[in-house]
Amino acid sequence: MKVEVKFFARCREIVGVRYKEVEIEDGTRIQDLIKLFVEAYPELEKVRLLVSLNHAYADPTARLEEGDEIALFPPVSGG
């Protein structure tokens, strides 16, 4: 099945693109997907990641479904 992963801020700098469409197996969880990206882009391991699933903050153990949109981004700071 396919999902779309969007990258923001430092995550985008590391991966080099705004988004990627990714083919994953049924039953894949967000944490599994993150592990795949950290293996491909080890610098991501240094970034504290927040995750959204279909525009809402998500638990890393959530299972993904066909067509889901996942966003990876660092915490936002500022005033």
PDB file of N, CA and C in Angstrom:
ATOM      1  N   MET A   1       0.836  -1.170   0.000  1.00  0.00           N
ATOM      2  CA  MET A   1       0.000   0.000   0.000  1.00  0.00           C
ATOM      3  C   MET A   1       0.886   1.240   0.000  1.00  0.00           C
ATOM      4  N   LYS A   2       0.326   2.373  -0.408  1.00  0.00           N
ATOM      5  CA  LYS A   2       1.100   3.603  -0.505  1.00  0.00           C
ATOM      6  C   LYS A   2       0.606   4.630   0.497  1.00  0.00           C
ATOM      7  N   VAL A   3       1.580   5.357   1.074  1.00  0.00           N
ATOM      8  CA  VAL A   3       1.298   6.494   1.942  1.00  0.00           C
ATOM      9  C   VAL A   3       2.194   7.645   1.487  1.00  0.00           C
ATOM     10  N   GLU A   4       1.813   8.851   1.871  1.00  0.00           N
ATOM     11  CA  GLU A   4       2.624  10.016   1.544  1.00  0.00           C
ATOM     12  C   GLU A   4       3.226  10.568   2.829  1.00  0.00           C
ATOM     13  N   VAL A   5       4.537  10.787   2.796  1.00  0.00           N
ATOM     14  CA  VAL A   5       5.234  11.331   3.951  1.00  0.00           C
ATOM     15  C   VAL A   5       5.731  12.722   3.585  1.00  0.00           C
ATOM     16  N   LYS A   6       5.330  13.721   4.401  1.00  0.00           N
ATOM     17  CA  LYS A   6       5.763  15.100   4.198  1.00  0.00           C
ATOM     18  C   LYS A   6       6.802  15.448   5.246  1.00  0.00           C
ATOM     19  N   PHE A   7       7.769  16.261   4.835  1.00  0.00           N
ATOM     20  CA  PHE A   7       8.870  16.643   5.707  1.00  0.00           C
ATOM     21  C   PHE A   7       8.893  18.156   5.877  1.00  0.00           C
ATOM     22  N   PHE A   8       9.121  18.611   7.109  1.00  0.00           N
ATOM     23  CA  PHE A   8       9.136  20.028   7.395  1.00  0.00           C
ATOM     24  C   PHE A   8      10.413  20.410   8.136  1.00  0.00           C
ATOM     25  N   ALA A   9      10.832  21.675   7.943  1.00  0.00           N
ATOM     26  CA  ALA A   9      11.964  22.270   8.642  1.00  0.00           C
ATOM     27  C   ALA A   9      13.223  21.408   8.493  1.00  0.00           C
ATOM     28  N   ARG A  10      13.875  21.085   9.597  1.00  0.00           N
ATOM     29  CA  ARG A  10      15.140  20.330   9.572  1.00  0.00           C
ATOM     30  C   ARG A  10      14.969  18.971   8.892  1.00  0.00           C
ATOM     31  N   CYS A  11      13.824  18.356   9.059  1.00  0.00           N
ATOM     32  CA  CYS A  11      13.569  17.053   8.417  1.00  0.00           C
ATOM     33  C   CYS A  11      13.654  17.184   6.890  1.00  0.00           C
ATOM     34  N   ARG A  12      13.089  18.251   6.359  1.00  0.00           N
ATOM     35  CA  ARG A  12      13.142  18.486   4.914  1.00  0.00           C
ATOM     36  C   ARG A  12      14.577  18.711   4.459  1.00  0.00           C
ATOM     37  N   GLU A  13      15.349  19.448   5.259  1.00  0.00           N
ATOM     38  CA  GLU A  13      16.750  19.688   4.909  1.00  0.00           C
ATOM     39  C   GLU A  13      17.524  18.372   4.832  1.00  0.00           C
ATOM     40  N   ILE A  14      17.264  17.485   5.761  1.00  0.00           N
ATOM     41  CA  ILE A  14      17.990  16.207   5.808  1.00  0.00           C
ATOM     42  C   ILE A  14      17.597  15.306   4.643  1.00  0.00           C
ATOM     43  N   VAL A  15      16.307  15.173   4.406  1.00  0.00           N
ATOM     44  CA  VAL A  15      15.819  14.258   3.365  1.00  0.00           C
ATOM     45  C   VAL A  15      15.992  14.863   1.971  1.00  0.00           C
ATOM     46  N   GLY A  16      15.887  16.187   1.870  1.00  0.00           N
ATOM     47  CA  GLY A  16      16.133  16.853   0.596  1.00  0.00           C
ATOM     48  C   GLY A  16      14.910  17.034  -0.290  1.00  0.00           C
ATOM     49  N   VAL A  17      13.743  16.642   0.199  1.00  0.00           N
ATOM     50  CA  VAL A  17      12.505  16.820  -0.573  1.00  0.00           C
ATOM     51  C   VAL A  17      11.374  17.215   0.376  1.00  0.00           C
ATOM     52  N   ARG A  18      10.308  17.752  -0.195  1.00  0.00           N
ATOM     53  CA  ARG A  18       9.140  18.137   0.611  1.00  0.00           C
ATOM     54  C   ARG A  18       8.294  16.933   0.997  1.00  0.00           C
ATOM     55  N   TYR A  19       8.227  15.947   0.104  1.00  0.00           N
ATOM     56  CA  TYR A  19       7.425  14.755   0.402  1.00  0.00           C
ATOM     57  C   TYR A  19       7.913  13.577  -0.416  1.00  0.00           C
ATOM     58  N   LYS A  20       7.530  12.403   0.039  1.00  0.00           N
ATOM     59  CA  LYS A  20       7.825  11.152  -0.668  1.00  0.00           C
ATOM     60  C   LYS A  20       6.597  10.257  -0.587  1.00  0.00           C
ATOM     61  N   GLU A  21       6.298   9.608  -1.679  1.00  0.00           N
ATOM     62  CA  GLU A  21       5.289   8.559  -1.654  1.00  0.00           C
ATOM     63  C   GLU A  21       6.036   7.258  -1.372  1.00  0.00           C
ATOM     64  N   VAL A  22       5.551   6.514  -0.394  1.00  0.00           N
ATOM     65  CA  VAL A  22       6.270   5.334   0.074  1.00  0.00           C
ATOM     66  C   VAL A  22       5.369   4.113  -0.003  1.00  0.00           C
ATOM     67  N   GLU A  23       5.913   3.030  -0.502  1.00  0.00           N
ATOM     68  CA  GLU A  23       5.219   1.737  -0.546  1.00  0.00           C
ATOM     69  C   GLU A  23       5.561   0.995   0.742  1.00  0.00           C
ATOM     70  N   ILE A  24       4.537   0.631   1.505  1.00  0.00           N
ATOM     71  CA  ILE A  24       4.749  -0.082   2.766  1.00  0.00           C
ATOM     72  C   ILE A  24       3.856  -1.315   2.820  1.00  0.00           C
ATOM     73  N   GLU A  25       4.165  -2.200   3.750  1.00  0.00           N
ATOM     74  CA  GLU A  25       3.374  -3.415   3.924  1.00  0.00           C
ATOM     75  C   GLU A  25       2.158  -3.131   4.799  1.00  0.00           C
ATOM     76  N   ASP A  26       1.108  -3.918   4.612  1.00  0.00           N
ATOM     77  CA  ASP A  26      -0.053  -3.829   5.495  1.00  0.00           C
ATOM     78  C   ASP A  26       0.403  -4.066   6.927  1.00  0.00           C
ATOM     79  N   GLY A  27      -0.175  -3.340   7.863  1.00  0.00           N
ATOM     80  CA  GLY A  27       0.170  -3.505   9.267  1.00  0.00           C
ATOM     81  C   GLY A  27       1.325  -2.637   9.736  1.00  0.00           C
ATOM     82  N   THR A  28       1.913  -1.858   8.819  1.00  0.00           N
ATOM     83  CA  THR A  28       3.017  -0.982   9.202  1.00  0.00           C
ATOM     84  C   THR A  28       2.516   0.091  10.157  1.00  0.00           C
ATOM     85  N   ARG A  29       3.296   0.346  11.183  1.00  0.00           N
ATOM     86  CA  ARG A  29       2.972   1.394  12.159  1.00  0.00           C
ATOM     87  C   ARG A  29       3.850   2.617  11.877  1.00  0.00           C
ATOM     88  N   ILE A  30       3.445   3.747  12.412  1.00  0.00           N
ATOM     89  CA  ILE A  30       4.225   4.972  12.228  1.00  0.00           C
ATOM     90  C   ILE A  30       5.667   4.757  12.678  1.00  0.00           C
ATOM     91  N   GLN A  31       5.862   4.117  13.820  1.00  0.00           N
ATOM     92  CA  GLN A  31       7.222   3.902  14.327  1.00  0.00           C
ATOM     93  C   GLN A  31       8.059   3.066  13.359  1.00  0.00           C
ATOM     94  N   ASP A  32       7.438   2.136  12.645  1.00  0.00           N
ATOM     95  CA  ASP A  32       8.156   1.336  11.653  1.00  0.00           C
ATOM     96  C   ASP A  32       8.598   2.216  10.481  1.00  0.00           C
ATOM     97  N   LEU A  33       7.711   3.102  10.065  1.00  0.00           N
ATOM     98  CA  LEU A  33       8.015   4.007   8.967  1.00  0.00           C
ATOM     99  C   LEU A  33       9.150   4.953   9.354  1.00  0.00           C
ATOM    100  N   ILE A  34       9.092   5.480  10.572  1.00  0.00           N
ATOM    101  CA  ILE A  34      10.162   6.361  11.046  1.00  0.00           C
ATOM    102  C   ILE A  34      11.492   5.620  11.058  1.00  0.00           C
ATOM    103  N   LYS A  35      11.476   4.380  11.505  1.00  0.00           N
ATOM    104  CA  LYS A  35      12.705   3.576  11.539  1.00  0.00           C
ATOM    105  C   LYS A  35      13.298   3.436  10.132  1.00  0.00           C
ATOM    106  N   LEU A  36      12.454   3.229   9.131  1.00  0.00           N
ATOM    107  CA  LEU A  36      12.930   3.125   7.750  1.00  0.00           C
ATOM    108  C   LEU A  36      13.621   4.409   7.304  1.00  0.00           C
ATOM    109  N   PHE A  37      13.022   5.548   7.660  1.00  0.00           N
ATOM    110  CA  PHE A  37      13.625   6.821   7.267  1.00  0.00           C
ATOM    111  C   PHE A  37      14.902   7.112   8.032  1.00  0.00           C
ATOM    112  N   VAL A  38      14.968   6.744   9.291  1.00  0.00           N
ATOM    113  CA  VAL A  38      16.191   6.948  10.067  1.00  0.00           C
ATOM    114  C   VAL A  38      17.319   6.065   9.509  1.00  0.00           C
ATOM    115  N   GLU A  39      16.979   4.862   9.077  1.00  0.00           N
ATOM    116  CA  GLU A  39      17.994   3.992   8.459  1.00  0.00           C
ATOM    117  C   GLU A  39      18.503   4.602   7.155  1.00  0.00           C
ATOM    118  N   ALA A  40      17.598   5.192   6.375  1.00  0.00           N
ATOM    119  CA  ALA A  40      17.980   5.792   5.093  1.00  0.00           C
ATOM    120  C   ALA A  40      18.670   7.142   5.272  1.00  0.00           C
ATOM    121  N   TYR A  41      18.279   7.872   6.321  1.00  0.00           N
ATOM    122  CA  TYR A  41      18.814   9.211   6.597  1.00  0.00           C
ATOM    123  C   TYR A  41      19.204   9.284   8.073  1.00  0.00           C
ATOM    124  N   PRO A  42      20.372   8.751   8.437  1.00  0.00           N
ATOM    125  CA  PRO A  42      20.782   8.648   9.846  1.00  0.00           C
ATOM    126  C   PRO A  42      20.752   9.978  10.609  1.00  0.00           C
ATOM    127  N   GLU A  43      20.908  11.082   9.919  1.00  0.00           N
ATOM    128  CA  GLU A  43      20.880  12.399  10.565  1.00  0.00           C
ATOM    129  C   GLU A  43      19.524  12.678  11.227  1.00  0.00           C
ATOM    130  N   LEU A  44      18.464  12.032  10.747  1.00  0.00           N
ATOM    131  CA  LEU A  44      17.139  12.200  11.347  1.00  0.00           C
ATOM    132  C   LEU A  44      17.098  11.741  12.803  1.00  0.00           C
ATOM    133  N   GLU A  45      17.987  10.818  13.147  1.00  0.00           N
ATOM    134  CA  GLU A  45      18.008  10.308  14.518  1.00  0.00           C
ATOM    135  C   GLU A  45      18.354  11.411  15.519  1.00  0.00           C
ATOM    136  N   LYS A  46      19.029  12.453  15.059  1.00  0.00           N
ATOM    137  CA  LYS A  46      19.424  13.562  15.929  1.00  0.00           C
ATOM    138  C   LYS A  46      18.300  14.577  16.129  1.00  0.00           C
ATOM    139  N   VAL A  47      17.219  14.438  15.364  1.00  0.00           N
ATOM    140  CA  VAL A  47      16.107  15.383  15.421  1.00  0.00           C
ATOM    141  C   VAL A  47      14.993  14.794  16.279  1.00  0.00           C
ATOM    142  N   ARG A  48      14.516  15.561  17.242  1.00  0.00           N
ATOM    143  CA  ARG A  48      13.344  15.123  18.010  1.00  0.00           C
ATOM    144  C   ARG A  48      12.140  15.296  17.087  1.00  0.00           C
ATOM    145  N   LEU A  49      11.509  14.203  16.719  1.00  0.00           N
ATOM    146  CA  LEU A  49      10.436  14.231  15.727  1.00  0.00           C
ATOM    147  C   LEU A  49       9.057  14.282  16.347  1.00  0.00           C
ATOM    148  N   LEU A  50       8.231  15.117  15.774  1.00  0.00           N
ATOM    149  CA  LEU A  50       6.795  15.073  16.030  1.00  0.00           C
ATOM    150  C   LEU A  50       6.164  14.500  14.772  1.00  0.00           C
ATOM    151  N   VAL A  51       5.029  13.836  14.954  1.00  0.00           N
ATOM    152  CA  VAL A  51       4.391  13.154  13.836  1.00  0.00           C
ATOM    153  C   VAL A  51       2.911  13.488  13.797  1.00  0.00           C
ATOM    154  N   SER A  52       2.432  13.759  12.589  1.00  0.00           N
ATOM    155  CA  SER A  52       0.988  13.871  12.427  1.00  0.00           C
ATOM    156  C   SER A  52       0.544  12.836  11.405  1.00  0.00           C
ATOM    157  N   LEU A  53      -0.674  12.373  11.594  1.00  0.00           N
ATOM    158  CA  LEU A  53      -1.286  11.404  10.691  1.00  0.00           C
ATOM    159  C   LEU A  53      -2.602  12.005  10.242  1.00  0.00           C
ATOM    160  N   ASN A  54      -2.702  12.277   8.947  1.00  0.00           N
ATOM    161  CA  ASN A  54      -3.904  12.890   8.380  1.00  0.00           C
ATOM    162  C   ASN A  54      -4.285  14.166   9.135  1.00  0.00           C
ATOM    163  N   HIS A  55      -3.283  15.025   9.362  1.00  0.00           N
ATOM    164  CA  HIS A  55      -3.446  16.370   9.936  1.00  0.00           C
ATOM    165  C   HIS A  55      -3.769  16.386  11.421  1.00  0.00           C
ATOM    166  N   ALA A  56      -3.473  15.329  12.162  1.00  0.00           N
ATOM    167  CA  ALA A  56      -3.674  15.301  13.612  1.00  0.00           C
ATOM    168  C   ALA A  56      -2.453  14.625  14.243  1.00  0.00           C
ATOM    169  N   TYR A  57      -2.032  15.133  15.401  1.00  0.00           N
ATOM    170  CA  TYR A  57      -0.914  14.484  16.082  1.00  0.00           C
ATOM    171  C   TYR A  57      -1.229  13.005  16.267  1.00  0.00           C
ATOM    172  N   ALA A  58      -0.187  12.180  16.129  1.00  0.00           N
ATOM    173  CA  ALA A  58      -0.419  10.738  16.124  1.00  0.00           C
ATOM    174  C   ALA A  58       0.517  10.008  17.077  1.00  0.00           C
ATOM    175  N   ASP A  59       0.019   8.919  17.594  1.00  0.00           N
ATOM    176  CA  ASP A  59       0.811   8.015  18.423  1.00  0.00           C
ATOM    177  C   ASP A  59       1.692   7.188  17.487  1.00  0.00           C
ATOM    178  N   PRO A  60       2.970   7.015  17.825  1.00  0.00           N
ATOM    179  CA  PRO A  60       3.862   6.231  16.970  1.00  0.00           C
ATOM    180  C   PRO A  60       3.414   4.787  16.743  1.00  0.00           C
ATOM    181  N   THR A  61       2.538   4.271  17.599  1.00  0.00           N
ATOM    182  CA  THR A  61       2.095   2.882  17.424  1.00  0.00           C
ATOM    183  C   THR A  61       0.873   2.770  16.503  1.00  0.00           C
ATOM    184  N   ALA A  62       0.375   3.897  16.001  1.00  0.00           N
ATOM    185  CA  ALA A  62      -0.801   3.867  15.116  1.00  0.00           C
ATOM    186  C   ALA A  62      -0.470   3.131  13.824  1.00  0.00           C
ATOM    187  N   ARG A  63      -1.398   2.294  13.393  1.00  0.00           N
ATOM    188  CA  ARG A  63      -1.235   1.566  12.130  1.00  0.00           C
ATOM    189  C   ARG A  63      -1.608   2.473  10.959  1.00  0.00           C
ATOM    190  N   LEU A  64      -0.863   2.315   9.883  1.00  0.00           N
ATOM    191  CA  LEU A  64      -1.102   3.116   8.692  1.00  0.00           C
ATOM    192  C   LEU A  64      -2.032   2.391   7.734  1.00  0.00           C
ATOM    193  N   GLU A  65      -2.756   3.191   6.948  1.00  0.00           N
ATOM    194  CA  GLU A  65      -3.667   2.652   5.948  1.00  0.00           C
ATOM    195  C   GLU A  65      -3.380   3.291   4.597  1.00  0.00           C
ATOM    196  N   GLU A  66      -3.818   2.639   3.552  1.00  0.00           N
ATOM    197  CA  GLU A  66      -3.653   3.130   2.182  1.00  0.00           C
ATOM    198  C   GLU A  66      -4.071   4.593   2.096  1.00  0.00           C
ATOM    199  N   GLY A  67      -3.191   5.419   1.508  1.00  0.00           N
ATOM    200  CA  GLY A  67      -3.511   6.816   1.265  1.00  0.00           C
ATOM    201  C   GLY A  67      -3.289   7.752   2.432  1.00  0.00           C
ATOM    202  N   ASP A  68      -2.820   7.250   3.581  1.00  0.00           N
ATOM    203  CA  ASP A  68      -2.572   8.118   4.728  1.00  0.00           C
ATOM    204  C   ASP A  68      -1.504   9.156   4.394  1.00  0.00           C
ATOM    205  N   GLU A  69      -1.593  10.291   5.081  1.00  0.00           N
ATOM    206  CA  GLU A  69      -0.597  11.342   4.962  1.00  0.00           C
ATOM    207  C   GLU A  69       0.077  11.510   6.310  1.00  0.00           C
ATOM    208  N   ILE A  70       1.384  11.314   6.326  1.00  0.00           N
ATOM    209  CA  ILE A  70       2.170  11.414   7.541  1.00  0.00           C
ATOM    210  C   ILE A  70       3.079  12.628   7.389  1.00  0.00           C
ATOM    211  N   ALA A  71       3.193  13.425   8.435  1.00  0.00           N
ATOM    212  CA  ALA A  71       4.111  14.561   8.408  1.00  0.00           C
ATOM    213  C   ALA A  71       5.114  14.383   9.540  1.00  0.00           C
ATOM    214  N   LEU A  72       6.373  14.622   9.220  1.00  0.00           N
ATOM    215  CA  LEU A  72       7.466  14.562  10.197  1.00  0.00           C
ATOM    216  C   LEU A  72       8.044  15.957  10.346  1.00  0.00           C
ATOM    217  N   PHE A  73       8.136  16.425  11.598  1.00  0.00           N
ATOM    218  CA  PHE A  73       8.642  17.775  11.819  1.00  0.00           C
ATOM    219  C   PHE A  73       9.195  17.882  13.238  1.00  0.00           C
ATOM    220  N   PRO A  74      10.145  18.813  13.432  1.00  0.00           N
ATOM    221  CA  PRO A  74      10.662  19.039  14.780  1.00  0.00           C
ATOM    222  C   PRO A  74       9.694  19.919  15.559  1.00  0.00           C
ATOM    223  N   PRO A  75       9.811  19.947  16.876  1.00  0.00           N
ATOM    224  CA  PRO A  75       8.951  20.836  17.667  1.00  0.00           C
ATOM    225  C   PRO A  75       9.138  22.287  17.237  1.00  0.00           C
ATOM    226  N   VAL A  76       8.085  23.037  17.275  1.00  0.00           N
ATOM    227  CA  VAL A  76       8.126  24.438  16.895  1.00  0.00           C
ATOM    228  C   VAL A  76       8.415  25.268  18.134  1.00  0.00           C
ATOM    229  N   SER A  77       9.290  26.237  17.983  1.00  0.00           N
ATOM    230  CA  SER A  77       9.578  27.130  19.108  1.00  0.00           C
ATOM    231  C   SER A  77       9.440  28.570  18.647  1.00  0.00           C
ATOM    232  N   GLY A  78       9.366  29.438  19.569  1.00  0.00           N
ATOM    233  CA  GLY A  78       9.256  30.858  19.241  1.00  0.00           C
ATOM    234  C   GLY A  78       8.269  31.553  20.128  1.00  0.00           C
ATOM    235  N   GLY A  79       8.046  32.801  19.849  1.00  0.00           N
ATOM    236  CA  GLY A  79       7.202  33.591  20.733  1.00  0.00           C
ATOM    237  C   GLY A  79       6.020  34.172  20.130  1.00  0.00           C
TER     238      GLY A  79
END
